[in-house]
PDB file of all heavy atoms in Angstrom:
ATOM      1  N   VAL A   1      -4.682 -11.156  -5.188  1.00  0.00           N
ATOM      2  CA  VAL A   1      -6.116 -11.204  -5.473  1.00  0.00           C
ATOM      3  C   VAL A   1      -6.307 -11.308  -6.979  1.00  0.00           C
ATOM      4  O   VAL A   1      -5.686 -10.570  -7.745  1.00  0.00           O
ATOM      5  CB  VAL A   1      -6.824  -9.920  -4.962  1.00  0.00           C
ATOM      6  CG1 VAL A   1      -8.301  -9.951  -5.279  1.00  0.00           C
ATOM      7  CG2 VAL A   1      -6.602  -9.732  -3.484  1.00  0.00           C
ATOM      8  N   ARG A   2      -7.161 -12.227  -7.411  1.00  0.00           N
ATOM      9  CA  ARG A   2      -7.486 -12.344  -8.832  1.00  0.00           C
ATOM     10  C   ARG A   2      -8.698 -11.454  -9.106  1.00  0.00           C
ATOM     11  O   ARG A   2      -9.730 -11.580  -8.451  1.00  0.00           O
ATOM     12  CB  ARG A   2      -7.799 -13.781  -9.207  1.00  0.00           C
ATOM     13  CG  ARG A   2      -8.023 -13.968 -10.704  1.00  0.00           C
ATOM     14  CD  ARG A   2      -8.154 -15.424 -11.063  1.00  0.00           C
ATOM     15  NE  ARG A   2      -6.990 -16.201 -10.673  1.00  0.00           N
ATOM     16  CZ  ARG A   2      -5.917 -16.393 -11.439  1.00  0.00           C
ATOM     17  NH1 ARG A   2      -5.868 -15.854 -12.627  1.00  0.00           N
ATOM     18  NH2 ARG A   2      -4.922 -17.137 -11.010  1.00  0.00           N
ATOM     19  N   LEU A   3      -8.546 -10.532 -10.055  1.00  0.00           N
ATOM     20  CA  LEU A   3      -9.611  -9.588 -10.389  1.00  0.00           C
ATOM     21  C   LEU A   3     -10.106  -9.829 -11.803  1.00  0.00           C
ATOM     22  O   LEU A   3      -9.327 -10.156 -12.693  1.00  0.00           O
ATOM     23  CB  LEU A   3      -9.094  -8.148 -10.287  1.00  0.00           C
ATOM     24  CG  LEU A   3      -8.526  -7.721  -8.939  1.00  0.00           C
ATOM     25  CD1 LEU A   3      -7.914  -6.333  -9.048  1.00  0.00           C
ATOM     26  CD2 LEU A   3      -9.592  -7.758  -7.870  1.00  0.00           C
ATOM     27  N   GLU A   4     -11.397  -9.653 -12.003  1.00  0.00           N
ATOM     28  CA  GLU A   4     -11.967  -9.692 -13.341  1.00  0.00           C
ATOM     29  C   GLU A   4     -11.562  -8.412 -14.067  1.00  0.00           C
ATOM     30  O   GLU A   4     -11.208  -7.415 -13.437  1.00  0.00           O
ATOM     31  CB  GLU A   4     -13.487  -9.775 -13.272  1.00  0.00           C
ATOM     32  CG  GLU A   4     -14.011 -11.021 -12.591  1.00  0.00           C
ATOM     33  CD  GLU A   4     -15.518 -11.000 -12.441  1.00  0.00           C
ATOM     34  OE1 GLU A   4     -16.178 -10.108 -13.035  1.00  0.00           O
ATOM     35  OE2 GLU A   4     -16.037 -11.857 -11.725  1.00  0.00           O
ATOM     36  N   ALA A   5     -11.636  -8.418 -15.375  1.00  0.00           N
ATOM     37  CA  ALA A   5     -11.341  -7.216 -16.152  1.00  0.00           C
ATOM     38  C   ALA A   5     -12.287  -6.105 -15.709  1.00  0.00           C
ATOM     39  O   ALA A   5     -13.460  -6.349 -15.415  1.00  0.00           O
ATOM     40  CB  ALA A   5     -11.507  -7.494 -17.638  1.00  0.00           C
ATOM     41  N   GLY A   6     -11.768  -4.900 -15.615  1.00  0.00           N
ATOM     42  CA  GLY A   6     -12.594  -3.777 -15.205  1.00  0.00           C
ATOM     43  C   GLY A   6     -11.768  -2.666 -14.596  1.00  0.00           C
ATOM     44  O   GLY A   6     -10.539  -2.689 -14.638  1.00  0.00           O
ATOM     45  N   ARG A   7     -12.448  -1.692 -14.010  1.00  0.00           N
ATOM     46  CA  ARG A   7     -11.798  -0.558 -13.360  1.00  0.00           C
ATOM     47  C   ARG A   7     -11.875  -0.753 -11.848  1.00  0.00           C
ATOM     48  O   ARG A   7     -12.922  -1.149 -11.320  1.00  0.00           O
ATOM     49  CB  ARG A   7     -12.500   0.739 -13.748  1.00  0.00           C
ATOM     50  CG  ARG A   7     -12.342   1.066 -15.217  1.00  0.00           C
ATOM     51  CD  ARG A   7     -13.069   2.342 -15.607  1.00  0.00           C
ATOM     52  NE  ARG A   7     -12.647   3.444 -14.759  1.00  0.00           N
ATOM     53  CZ  ARG A   7     -13.450   4.420 -14.355  1.00  0.00           C
ATOM     54  NH1 ARG A   7     -14.710   4.436 -14.728  1.00  0.00           N
ATOM     55  NH2 ARG A   7     -12.999   5.399 -13.595  1.00  0.00           N
ATOM     56  N   TYR A   8     -10.761  -0.424 -11.186  1.00  0.00           N
ATOM     57  CA  TYR A   8     -10.675  -0.612  -9.743  1.00  0.00           C
ATOM     58  C   TYR A   8     -10.016   0.594  -9.097  1.00  0.00           C
ATOM     59  O   TYR A   8      -9.269   1.323  -9.725  1.00  0.00           O
ATOM     60  CB  TYR A   8      -9.853  -1.868  -9.406  1.00  0.00           C
ATOM     61  CG  TYR A   8     -10.522  -3.127  -9.855  1.00  0.00           C
ATOM     62  CD1 TYR A   8     -10.329  -3.622 -11.143  1.00  0.00           C
ATOM     63  CD2 TYR A   8     -11.356  -3.836  -9.002  1.00  0.00           C
ATOM     64  CE1 TYR A   8     -10.944  -4.782 -11.566  1.00  0.00           C
ATOM     65  CE2 TYR A   8     -11.981  -4.997  -9.412  1.00  0.00           C
ATOM     66  CZ  TYR A   8     -11.771  -5.465 -10.699  1.00  0.00           C
ATOM     67  OH  TYR A   8     -12.392  -6.608 -11.113  1.00  0.00           O
ATOM     68  N   ARG A   9     -10.295   0.749  -7.806  1.00  0.00           N
ATOM     69  CA  ARG A   9      -9.633   1.771  -6.995  1.00  0.00           C
ATOM     70  C   ARG A   9      -9.090   1.051  -5.757  1.00  0.00           C
ATOM     71  O   ARG A   9      -9.792   0.240  -5.146  1.00  0.00           O
ATOM     72  CB  ARG A   9     -10.644   2.840  -6.585  1.00  0.00           C
ATOM     73  CG  ARG A   9     -10.099   3.856  -5.628  1.00  0.00           C
ATOM     74  CD  ARG A   9     -11.098   4.961  -5.273  1.00  0.00           C
ATOM     75  NE  ARG A   9     -12.483   4.512  -5.178  1.00  0.00           N
ATOM     76  CZ  ARG A   9     -13.506   5.121  -5.780  1.00  0.00           C
ATOM     77  NH1 ARG A   9     -13.311   6.196  -6.522  1.00  0.00           N
ATOM     78  NH2 ARG A   9     -14.730   4.671  -5.643  1.00  0.00           N
ATOM     79  N   ALA A  10      -7.831   1.353  -5.403  1.00  0.00           N
ATOM     80  CA  ALA A  10      -7.225   0.752  -4.215  1.00  0.00           C
ATOM     81  C   ALA A  10      -6.800   1.862  -3.261  1.00  0.00           C
ATOM     82  O   ALA A  10      -6.311   2.910  -3.681  1.00  0.00           O
ATOM     83  CB  ALA A  10      -6.019  -0.090  -4.605  1.00  0.00           C
ATOM     84  N   ARG A  11      -6.992   1.609  -1.968  1.00  0.00           N
ATOM     85  CA  ARG A  11      -6.565   2.550  -0.933  1.00  0.00           C
ATOM     86  C   ARG A  11      -5.859   1.743   0.144  1.00  0.00           C
ATOM     87  O   ARG A  11      -6.382   0.718   0.607  1.00  0.00           O
ATOM     88  CB  ARG A  11      -7.760   3.269  -0.339  1.00  0.00           C
ATOM     89  CG  ARG A  11      -7.365   4.201   0.772  1.00  0.00           C
ATOM     90  CD  ARG A  11      -8.557   4.914   1.343  1.00  0.00           C
ATOM     91  NE  ARG A  11      -8.106   5.682   2.495  1.00  0.00           N
ATOM     92  CZ  ARG A  11      -8.886   6.135   3.422  1.00  0.00           C
ATOM     93  NH1 ARG A  11     -10.178   5.942   3.342  1.00  0.00           N
ATOM     94  NH2 ARG A  11      -8.403   6.796   4.432  1.00  0.00           N
ATOM     95  N   ILE A  12      -4.678   2.201   0.524  1.00  0.00           N
ATOM     96  CA  ILE A  12      -3.933   1.532   1.585  1.00  0.00           C
ATOM     97  C   ILE A  12      -3.568   2.557   2.641  1.00  0.00           C
ATOM     98  O   ILE A  12      -3.240   3.705   2.317  1.00  0.00           O
ATOM     99  CB  ILE A  12      -2.690   0.808   1.031  1.00  0.00           C
ATOM    100  CG1 ILE A  12      -2.080  -0.075   2.107  1.00  0.00           C
ATOM    101  CG2 ILE A  12      -1.699   1.787   0.451  1.00  0.00           C
ATOM    102  CD1 ILE A  12      -1.114  -1.093   1.572  1.00  0.00           C
ATOM    103  N   GLU A  13      -3.672   2.133   3.899  1.00  0.00           N
ATOM    104  CA  GLU A  13      -3.395   3.043   5.012  1.00  0.00           C
ATOM    105  C   GLU A  13      -2.539   2.305   6.038  1.00  0.00           C
ATOM    106  O   GLU A  13      -2.886   1.192   6.458  1.00  0.00           O
ATOM    107  CB  GLU A  13      -4.717   3.466   5.640  1.00  0.00           C
ATOM    108  CG  GLU A  13      -4.588   4.337   6.837  1.00  0.00           C
ATOM    109  CD  GLU A  13      -5.945   4.666   7.450  1.00  0.00           C
ATOM    110  OE1 GLU A  13      -6.975   4.125   7.018  1.00  0.00           O
ATOM    111  OE2 GLU A  13      -5.958   5.468   8.395  1.00  0.00           O
ATOM    112  N   ALA A  14      -1.423   2.911   6.433  1.00  0.00           N
ATOM    113  CA  ALA A  14      -0.607   2.362   7.513  1.00  0.00           C
ATOM    114  C   ALA A  14      -1.354   2.567   8.823  1.00  0.00           C
ATOM    115  O   ALA A  14      -1.875   3.646   9.083  1.00  0.00           O
ATOM    116  CB  ALA A  14       0.748   3.053   7.552  1.00  0.00           C
ATOM    117  N   LEU A  15      -1.419   1.537   9.647  1.00  0.00           N
ATOM    118  CA  LEU A  15      -2.177   1.611  10.886  1.00  0.00           C
ATOM    119  C   LEU A  15      -1.327   1.961  12.099  1.00  0.00           C
ATOM    120  O   LEU A  15      -1.866   2.236  13.166  1.00  0.00           O
ATOM    121  CB  LEU A  15      -2.911   0.290  11.134  1.00  0.00           C
ATOM    122  CG  LEU A  15      -3.949  -0.065  10.073  1.00  0.00           C
ATOM    123  CD1 LEU A  15      -4.558  -1.418  10.371  1.00  0.00           C
ATOM    124  CD2 LEU A  15      -5.018   1.003   9.990  1.00  0.00           C
ATOM    125  N   GLU A  16      -0.018   1.922  11.940  1.00  0.00           N
ATOM    126  CA  GLU A  16       0.877   2.267  13.042  1.00  0.00           C
ATOM    127  C   GLU A  16       2.077   3.023  12.508  1.00  0.00           C
ATOM    128  O   GLU A  16       2.467   2.849  11.352  1.00  0.00           O
ATOM    129  CB  GLU A  16       1.396   1.000  13.741  1.00  0.00           C
ATOM    130  CG  GLU A  16       0.354   0.213  14.472  1.00  0.00           C
ATOM    131  CD  GLU A  16       0.940  -1.025  15.141  1.00  0.00           C
ATOM    132  OE1 GLU A  16       2.177  -1.114  15.282  1.00  0.00           O
ATOM    133  OE2 GLU A  16       0.154  -1.901  15.505  1.00  0.00           O
ATOM    134  N   ASN A  17       2.669   3.848  13.347  1.00  0.00           N
ATOM    135  CA  ASN A  17       3.955   4.457  13.026  1.00  0.00           C
ATOM    136  C   ASN A  17       5.022   3.450  13.413  1.00  0.00           C
ATOM    137  O   ASN A  17       5.138   3.087  14.584  1.00  0.00           O
ATOM    138  CB  ASN A  17       4.160   5.758  13.803  1.00  0.00           C
ATOM    139  CG  ASN A  17       3.246   6.856  13.310  1.00  0.00           C
ATOM    140  OD1 ASN A  17       2.966   6.941  12.126  1.00  0.00           O
ATOM    141  ND2 ASN A  17       2.776   7.680  14.210  1.00  0.00           N
ATOM    142  N   ILE A  18       5.782   2.980  12.437  1.00  0.00           N
ATOM    143  CA  ILE A  18       6.821   1.988  12.678  1.00  0.00           C
ATOM    144  C   ILE A  18       8.150   2.729  12.809  1.00  0.00           C
ATOM    145  O   ILE A  18       8.669   3.268  11.828  1.00  0.00           O
ATOM    146  CB  ILE A  18       6.897   0.955  11.531  1.00  0.00           C
ATOM    147  CG1 ILE A  18       5.521   0.345  11.239  1.00  0.00           C
ATOM    148  CG2 ILE A  18       7.940  -0.104  11.826  1.00  0.00           C
ATOM    149  CD1 ILE A  18       4.961  -0.523  12.317  1.00  0.00           C
ATOM    150  N   ARG A  19       8.670   2.765  14.006  1.00  0.00           N
ATOM    151  CA  ARG A  19       9.900   3.511  14.295  1.00  0.00           C
ATOM    152  C   ARG A  19      11.047   3.070  13.384  1.00  0.00           C
ATOM    153  O   ARG A  19      11.823   3.887  12.905  1.00  0.00           O
ATOM    154  CB  ARG A  19      10.288   3.306  15.750  1.00  0.00           C
ATOM    155  CG  ARG A  19      11.485   4.097  16.200  1.00  0.00           C
ATOM    156  CD  ARG A  19      11.738   3.904  17.682  1.00  0.00           C
ATOM    157  NE  ARG A  19      11.644   2.515  18.085  1.00  0.00           N
ATOM    158  CZ  ARG A  19      12.696   1.741  18.354  1.00  0.00           C
ATOM    159  NH1 ARG A  19      13.889   2.231  18.310  1.00  0.00           N
ATOM    160  NH2 ARG A  19      12.529   0.481  18.686  1.00  0.00           N
ATOM    161  N   GLU A  20      11.155   1.778  13.111  1.00  0.00           N
ATOM    162  CA  GLU A  20      12.248   1.253  12.279  1.00  0.00           C
ATOM    163  C   GLU A  20      12.185   1.754  10.834  1.00  0.00           C
ATOM    164  O   GLU A  20      13.171   1.685  10.112  1.00  0.00           O
ATOM    165  CB  GLU A  20      12.240  -0.286  12.280  1.00  0.00           C
ATOM    166  CG  GLU A  20      12.556  -0.894  13.622  1.00  0.00           C
ATOM    167  CD  GLU A  20      11.342  -1.045  14.529  1.00  0.00           C
ATOM    168  OE1 GLU A  20      10.269  -0.505  14.220  1.00  0.00           O
ATOM    169  OE2 GLU A  20      11.478  -1.699  15.567  1.00  0.00           O
ATOM    170  N   LEU A  21      11.041   2.252  10.402  1.00  0.00           N
ATOM    171  CA  LEU A  21      10.897   2.734   9.023  1.00  0.00           C
ATOM    172  C   LEU A  21      11.030   4.255   8.904  1.00  0.00           C
ATOM    173  O   LEU A  21      10.875   4.797   7.816  1.00  0.00           O
ATOM    174  CB  LEU A  21       9.550   2.296   8.448  1.00  0.00           C
ATOM    175  CG  LEU A  21       9.374   0.793   8.277  1.00  0.00           C
ATOM    176  CD1 LEU A  21       7.985   0.472   7.753  1.00  0.00           C
ATOM    177  CD2 LEU A  21      10.440   0.210   7.373  1.00  0.00           C
ATOM    178  N   THR A  22      11.322   4.927  10.002  1.00  0.00           N
ATOM    179  CA  THR A  22      11.502   6.369   9.963  1.00  0.00           C
ATOM    180  C   THR A  22      12.616   6.727   8.981  1.00  0.00           C
ATOM    181  O   THR A  22      13.725   6.215   9.086  1.00  0.00           O
ATOM    182  CB  THR A  22      11.836   6.918  11.367  1.00  0.00           C
ATOM    183  OG1 THR A  22      10.769   6.584  12.245  1.00  0.00           O
ATOM    184  CG2 THR A  22      12.034   8.423  11.333  1.00  0.00           C
ATOM    185  N   GLY A  23      12.305   7.563   8.007  1.00  0.00           N
ATOM    186  CA  GLY A  23      13.286   7.992   7.015  1.00  0.00           C
ATOM    187  C   GLY A  23      13.488   7.021   5.867  1.00  0.00           C
ATOM    188  O   GLY A  23      14.259   7.287   4.949  1.00  0.00           O
ATOM    189  N   VAL A  24      12.802   5.881   5.883  1.00  0.00           N
ATOM    190  CA  VAL A  24      12.936   4.883   4.815  1.00  0.00           C
ATOM    191  C   VAL A  24      11.804   5.079   3.816  1.00  0.00           C
ATOM    192  O   VAL A  24      10.635   5.091   4.201  1.00  0.00           O
ATOM    193  CB  VAL A  24      12.876   3.447   5.403  1.00  0.00           C
ATOM    194  CG1 VAL A  24      12.892   2.411   4.294  1.00  0.00           C
ATOM    195  CG2 VAL A  24      14.010   3.231   6.383  1.00  0.00           C
ATOM    196  N   PRO A  25      12.127   5.244   2.516  1.00  0.00           N
ATOM    197  CA  PRO A  25      11.049   5.367   1.538  1.00  0.00           C
ATOM    198  C   PRO A  25      10.275   4.050   1.423  1.00  0.00           C
ATOM    199  O   PRO A  25      10.873   2.988   1.369  1.00  0.00           O
ATOM    200  CB  PRO A  25      11.760   5.688   0.223  1.00  0.00           C
ATOM    201  CG  PRO A  25      13.216   5.612   0.487  1.00  0.00           C
ATOM    202  CD  PRO A  25      13.435   5.349   1.937  1.00  0.00           C
ATOM    203  N   VAL A  26       8.956   4.148   1.432  1.00  0.00           N
ATOM    204  CA  VAL A  26       8.099   2.978   1.309  1.00  0.00           C
ATOM    205  C   VAL A  26       7.268   3.159   0.051  1.00  0.00           C
ATOM    206  O   VAL A  26       6.702   4.219  -0.179  1.00  0.00           O
ATOM    207  CB  VAL A  26       7.184   2.839   2.553  1.00  0.00           C
ATOM    208  CG1 VAL A  26       6.236   1.667   2.393  1.00  0.00           C
ATOM    209  CG2 VAL A  26       8.028   2.686   3.810  1.00  0.00           C
ATOM    210  N   ARG A  27       7.201   2.109  -0.761  1.00  0.00           N
ATOM    211  CA  ARG A  27       6.468   2.175  -2.027  1.00  0.00           C
ATOM    212  C   ARG A  27       5.462   1.040  -2.108  1.00  0.00           C
ATOM    213  O   ARG A  27       5.705  -0.040  -1.591  1.00  0.00           O
ATOM    214  CB  ARG A  27       7.439   2.077  -3.195  1.00  0.00           C
ATOM    215  CG  ARG A  27       8.362   3.257  -3.278  1.00  0.00           C
ATOM    216  CD  ARG A  27       9.355   3.084  -4.427  1.00  0.00           C
ATOM    217  NE  ARG A  27      10.280   4.191  -4.473  1.00  0.00           N
ATOM    218  CZ  ARG A  27      11.410   4.255  -3.787  1.00  0.00           C
ATOM    219  NH1 ARG A  27      11.754   3.277  -2.981  1.00  0.00           N
ATOM    220  NH2 ARG A  27      12.195   5.301  -3.899  1.00  0.00           N
ATOM    221  N   LEU A  28       4.367   1.279  -2.807  1.00  0.00           N
ATOM    222  CA  LEU A  28       3.362   0.265  -3.075  1.00  0.00           C
ATOM    223  C   LEU A  28       3.372  -0.006  -4.565  1.00  0.00           C
ATOM    224  O   LEU A  28       3.331   0.923  -5.377  1.00  0.00           O
ATOM    225  CB  LEU A  28       1.973   0.751  -2.641  1.00  0.00           C
ATOM    226  CG  LEU A  28       0.818  -0.179  -2.992  1.00  0.00           C
ATOM    227  CD1 LEU A  28       0.920  -1.484  -2.206  1.00  0.00           C
ATOM    228  CD2 LEU A  28      -0.503   0.511  -2.726  1.00  0.00           C
ATOM    229  N   TRP A  29       3.437  -1.271  -4.931  1.00  0.00           N
ATOM    230  CA  TRP A  29       3.407  -1.658  -6.337  1.00  0.00           C
ATOM    231  C   TRP A  29       2.233  -2.600  -6.532  1.00  0.00           C
ATOM    232  O   TRP A  29       2.041  -3.532  -5.755  1.00  0.00           O
ATOM    233  CB  TRP A  29       4.712  -2.352  -6.726  1.00  0.00           C
ATOM    234  CG  TRP A  29       4.742  -2.828  -8.132  1.00  0.00           C
ATOM    235  CD1 TRP A  29       4.866  -2.062  -9.244  1.00  0.00           C
ATOM    236  CD2 TRP A  29       4.635  -4.175  -8.584  1.00  0.00           C
ATOM    237  NE1 TRP A  29       4.853  -2.859 -10.362  1.00  0.00           N
ATOM    238  CE2 TRP A  29       4.713  -4.162  -9.977  1.00  0.00           C
ATOM    239  CE3 TRP A  29       4.487  -5.391  -7.942  1.00  0.00           C
ATOM    240  CZ2 TRP A  29       4.644  -5.313 -10.754  1.00  0.00           C
ATOM    241  CZ3 TRP A  29       4.425  -6.537  -8.709  1.00  0.00           C
ATOM    242  CH2 TRP A  29       4.503  -6.484 -10.095  1.00  0.00           C
ATOM    243  N   ILE A  30       1.433  -2.340  -7.551  1.00  0.00           N
ATOM    244  CA  ILE A  30       0.316  -3.212  -7.899  1.00  0.00           C
ATOM    245  C   ILE A  30       0.681  -3.868  -9.215  1.00  0.00           C
ATOM    246  O   ILE A  30       0.865  -3.195 -10.225  1.00  0.00           O
ATOM    247  CB  ILE A  30      -0.999  -2.415  -8.017  1.00  0.00           C
ATOM    248  CG1 ILE A  30      -1.327  -1.774  -6.673  1.00  0.00           C
ATOM    249  CG2 ILE A  30      -2.123  -3.319  -8.496  1.00  0.00           C
ATOM    250  CD1 ILE A  30      -2.513  -0.850  -6.697  1.00  0.00           C
TER     251      ILE A  30
END
């Protein structure tokens, strides 16, 4: 997403429990 200069807030939510990711660290990078 292209954003104009300014202040922003982002929120991300997993919608399902993914069995294959159990015990795997997950990171979000902006």
